[in-house]
Amino acid sequence: MSHSDALSDFIDMTMSRFLRDRDFRLRLLAEADETPRETAYKIRRESMIAAQRRTAS
């Protein structure tokens, strides 16, 4: 593996990690304004979508 490949992989990994962290922080801020019922509904809906994706592929 050349240096440029390793650097490219590192940059890709760092960017994806930064975006995941940013999304997580934004989600926490949004959930701070939600009621527990709204949060539970959203978590349940997202888990159902994830399960459907797993079974579809």
N, C-alpha and C. Protein backbone atom coordinates (compact mmCIF):
# COMPACT_ATOMS: atom_id res chain seq x y z
N MET A 1 0.85 -1.18 0.00
CA MET A 1 0.00 0.00 0.00
C MET A 1 0.90 1.24 0.00
N SER A 2 0.60 2.15 -0.88
CA SER A 2 1.41 3.36 -0.96
C SER A 2 0.97 4.36 0.11
N HIS A 3 1.79 5.37 0.29
CA HIS A 3 1.46 6.41 1.27
C HIS A 3 0.18 7.14 0.90
N SER A 4 -0.01 7.40 -0.39
CA SER A 4 -1.21 8.13 -0.79
C SER A 4 -2.47 7.32 -0.53
N ASP A 5 -2.42 5.98 -0.71
CA ASP A 5 -3.58 5.14 -0.40
C ASP A 5 -3.88 5.16 1.09
N ALA A 6 -2.85 5.05 1.89
CA ALA A 6 -3.03 5.07 3.34
C ALA A 6 -3.58 6.42 3.79
N LEU A 7 -3.07 7.49 3.23
CA LEU A 7 -3.56 8.82 3.59
C LEU A 7 -5.01 9.00 3.17
N SER A 8 -5.33 8.53 1.98
CA SER A 8 -6.69 8.62 1.48
C SER A 8 -7.65 7.84 2.39
N ASP A 9 -7.25 6.63 2.78
CA ASP A 9 -8.08 5.83 3.68
C ASP A 9 -8.27 6.52 5.02
N PHE A 10 -7.19 7.11 5.52
CA PHE A 10 -7.27 7.81 6.81
C PHE A 10 -8.22 9.00 6.72
N ILE A 11 -8.13 9.75 5.64
CA ILE A 11 -9.01 10.92 5.47
C ILE A 11 -10.46 10.48 5.37
N ASP A 12 -10.72 9.41 4.59
CA ASP A 12 -12.09 8.90 4.47
C ASP A 12 -12.63 8.46 5.83
N MET A 13 -11.81 7.74 6.58
CA MET A 13 -12.23 7.26 7.89
C MET A 13 -12.51 8.44 8.84
N THR A 14 -11.63 9.42 8.82
CA THR A 14 -11.79 10.58 9.70
C THR A 14 -13.04 11.37 9.34
N MET A 15 -13.29 11.55 8.05
CA MET A 15 -14.48 12.30 7.64
C MET A 15 -15.76 11.55 8.01
N SER A 16 -15.80 10.25 7.79
CA SER A 16 -17.02 9.51 8.14
C SER A 16 -17.24 9.54 9.65
N ARG A 17 -16.16 9.46 10.41
CA ARG A 17 -16.29 9.53 11.87
C ARG A 17 -16.78 10.91 12.31
N PHE A 18 -16.24 11.96 11.70
CA PHE A 18 -16.67 13.32 12.02
C PHE A 18 -18.15 13.49 11.72
N LEU A 19 -18.59 13.00 10.55
CA LEU A 19 -20.00 13.16 10.18
C LEU A 19 -20.91 12.38 11.11
N ARG A 20 -20.50 11.17 11.50
CA ARG A 20 -21.31 10.38 12.45
C ARG A 20 -21.40 11.10 13.79
N ASP A 21 -20.28 11.63 14.27
CA ASP A 21 -20.27 12.36 15.55
C ASP A 21 -21.15 13.59 15.47
N ARG A 22 -21.07 14.30 14.35
CA ARG A 22 -21.90 15.50 14.18
C ARG A 22 -23.38 15.13 14.16
N ASP A 23 -23.72 14.07 13.41
CA ASP A 23 -25.11 13.63 13.36
C ASP A 23 -25.60 13.24 14.75
N PHE A 24 -24.74 12.55 15.50
CA PHE A 24 -25.11 12.14 16.85
C PHE A 24 -25.37 13.35 17.75
N ARG A 25 -24.50 14.35 17.67
CA ARG A 25 -24.69 15.56 18.49
C ARG A 25 -25.97 16.29 18.10
N LEU A 26 -26.24 16.39 16.82
CA LEU A 26 -27.47 17.06 16.38
C LEU A 26 -28.70 16.29 16.84
N ARG A 27 -28.60 14.97 16.81
CA ARG A 27 -29.71 14.14 17.25
C ARG A 27 -29.96 14.33 18.74
N LEU A 28 -28.88 14.39 19.52
CA LEU A 28 -29.05 14.63 20.96
C LEU A 28 -29.72 15.97 21.23
N LEU A 29 -29.31 16.99 20.49
CA LEU A 29 -29.93 18.30 20.67
C LEU A 29 -31.41 18.27 20.31
N ALA A 30 -31.74 17.58 19.23
CA ALA A 30 -33.15 17.49 18.81
C ALA A 30 -33.96 16.71 19.84
N GLU A 31 -33.38 15.63 20.37
CA GLU A 31 -34.10 14.81 21.33
C GLU A 31 -34.28 15.51 22.67
N ALA A 32 -33.46 16.49 22.96
CA ALA A 32 -33.60 17.22 24.21
C ALA A 32 -34.92 17.98 24.25
N ASP A 33 -35.45 18.33 23.06
CA ASP A 33 -36.71 19.06 22.99
C ASP A 33 -37.92 18.14 22.85
N GLU A 34 -37.70 16.82 22.71
CA GLU A 34 -38.80 15.88 22.50
C GLU A 34 -39.33 15.34 23.83
N THR A 35 -40.55 14.89 23.78
CA THR A 35 -41.09 14.18 24.94
C THR A 35 -40.58 12.74 24.90
N PRO A 36 -40.59 12.04 26.01
CA PRO A 36 -40.15 10.64 26.00
C PRO A 36 -40.95 9.78 25.02
N ARG A 37 -42.23 10.06 24.85
CA ARG A 37 -43.05 9.29 23.92
C ARG A 37 -42.58 9.50 22.48
N GLU A 38 -42.27 10.74 22.12
CA GLU A 38 -41.76 11.02 20.77
C GLU A 38 -40.43 10.33 20.53
N THR A 39 -39.56 10.36 21.52
CA THR A 39 -38.25 9.72 21.40
C THR A 39 -38.41 8.21 21.24
N ALA A 40 -39.28 7.59 22.04
CA ALA A 40 -39.50 6.15 21.94
C ALA A 40 -40.06 5.78 20.57
N TYR A 41 -40.99 6.59 20.06
CA TYR A 41 -41.57 6.32 18.74
C TYR A 41 -40.49 6.39 17.66
N LYS A 42 -39.63 7.40 17.74
CA LYS A 42 -38.58 7.56 16.73
C LYS A 42 -37.59 6.39 16.77
N ILE A 43 -37.20 5.97 17.98
CA ILE A 43 -36.27 4.85 18.11
C ILE A 43 -36.89 3.58 17.56
N ARG A 44 -38.16 3.34 17.87
CA ARG A 44 -38.84 2.15 17.38
C ARG A 44 -38.93 2.17 15.84
N ARG A 45 -39.26 3.32 15.28
CA ARG A 45 -39.38 3.44 13.83
C ARG A 45 -38.02 3.22 13.15
N GLU A 46 -36.96 3.81 13.71
CA GLU A 46 -35.63 3.63 13.12
C GLU A 46 -35.15 2.19 13.21
N SER A 47 -35.48 1.51 14.30
CA SER A 47 -35.06 0.10 14.42
C SER A 47 -35.84 -0.77 13.44
N MET A 48 -37.10 -0.44 13.18
CA MET A 48 -37.88 -1.20 12.19
C MET A 48 -37.31 -1.00 10.79
N ILE A 49 -36.93 0.22 10.47
CA ILE A 49 -36.34 0.51 9.16
C ILE A 49 -35.02 -0.24 9.01
N ALA A 50 -34.20 -0.24 10.06
CA ALA A 50 -32.92 -0.96 10.01
C ALA A 50 -33.14 -2.46 9.83
N ALA A 51 -34.14 -3.01 10.49
CA ALA A 51 -34.44 -4.44 10.35
C ALA A 51 -34.89 -4.75 8.93
N GLN A 52 -35.70 -3.87 8.36
CA GLN A 52 -36.16 -4.08 6.98
C GLN A 52 -35.00 -4.03 6.01
N ARG A 53 -34.05 -3.14 6.25
CA ARG A 53 -32.87 -3.06 5.37
C ARG A 53 -32.05 -4.34 5.46
N ARG A 54 -31.90 -4.87 6.68
CA ARG A 54 -31.13 -6.09 6.85
C ARG A 54 -31.78 -7.27 6.16
N THR A 55 -33.09 -7.37 6.24
CA THR A 55 -33.77 -8.51 5.61
C THR A 55 -33.86 -8.35 4.10
N ALA A 56 -33.85 -7.11 3.63
CA ALA A 56 -33.95 -6.86 2.18
C ALA A 56 -32.65 -7.19 1.47
N SER A 57 -31.52 -7.05 2.15
CA SER A 57 -30.24 -7.29 1.48
C SER A 57 -29.67 -8.65 1.75
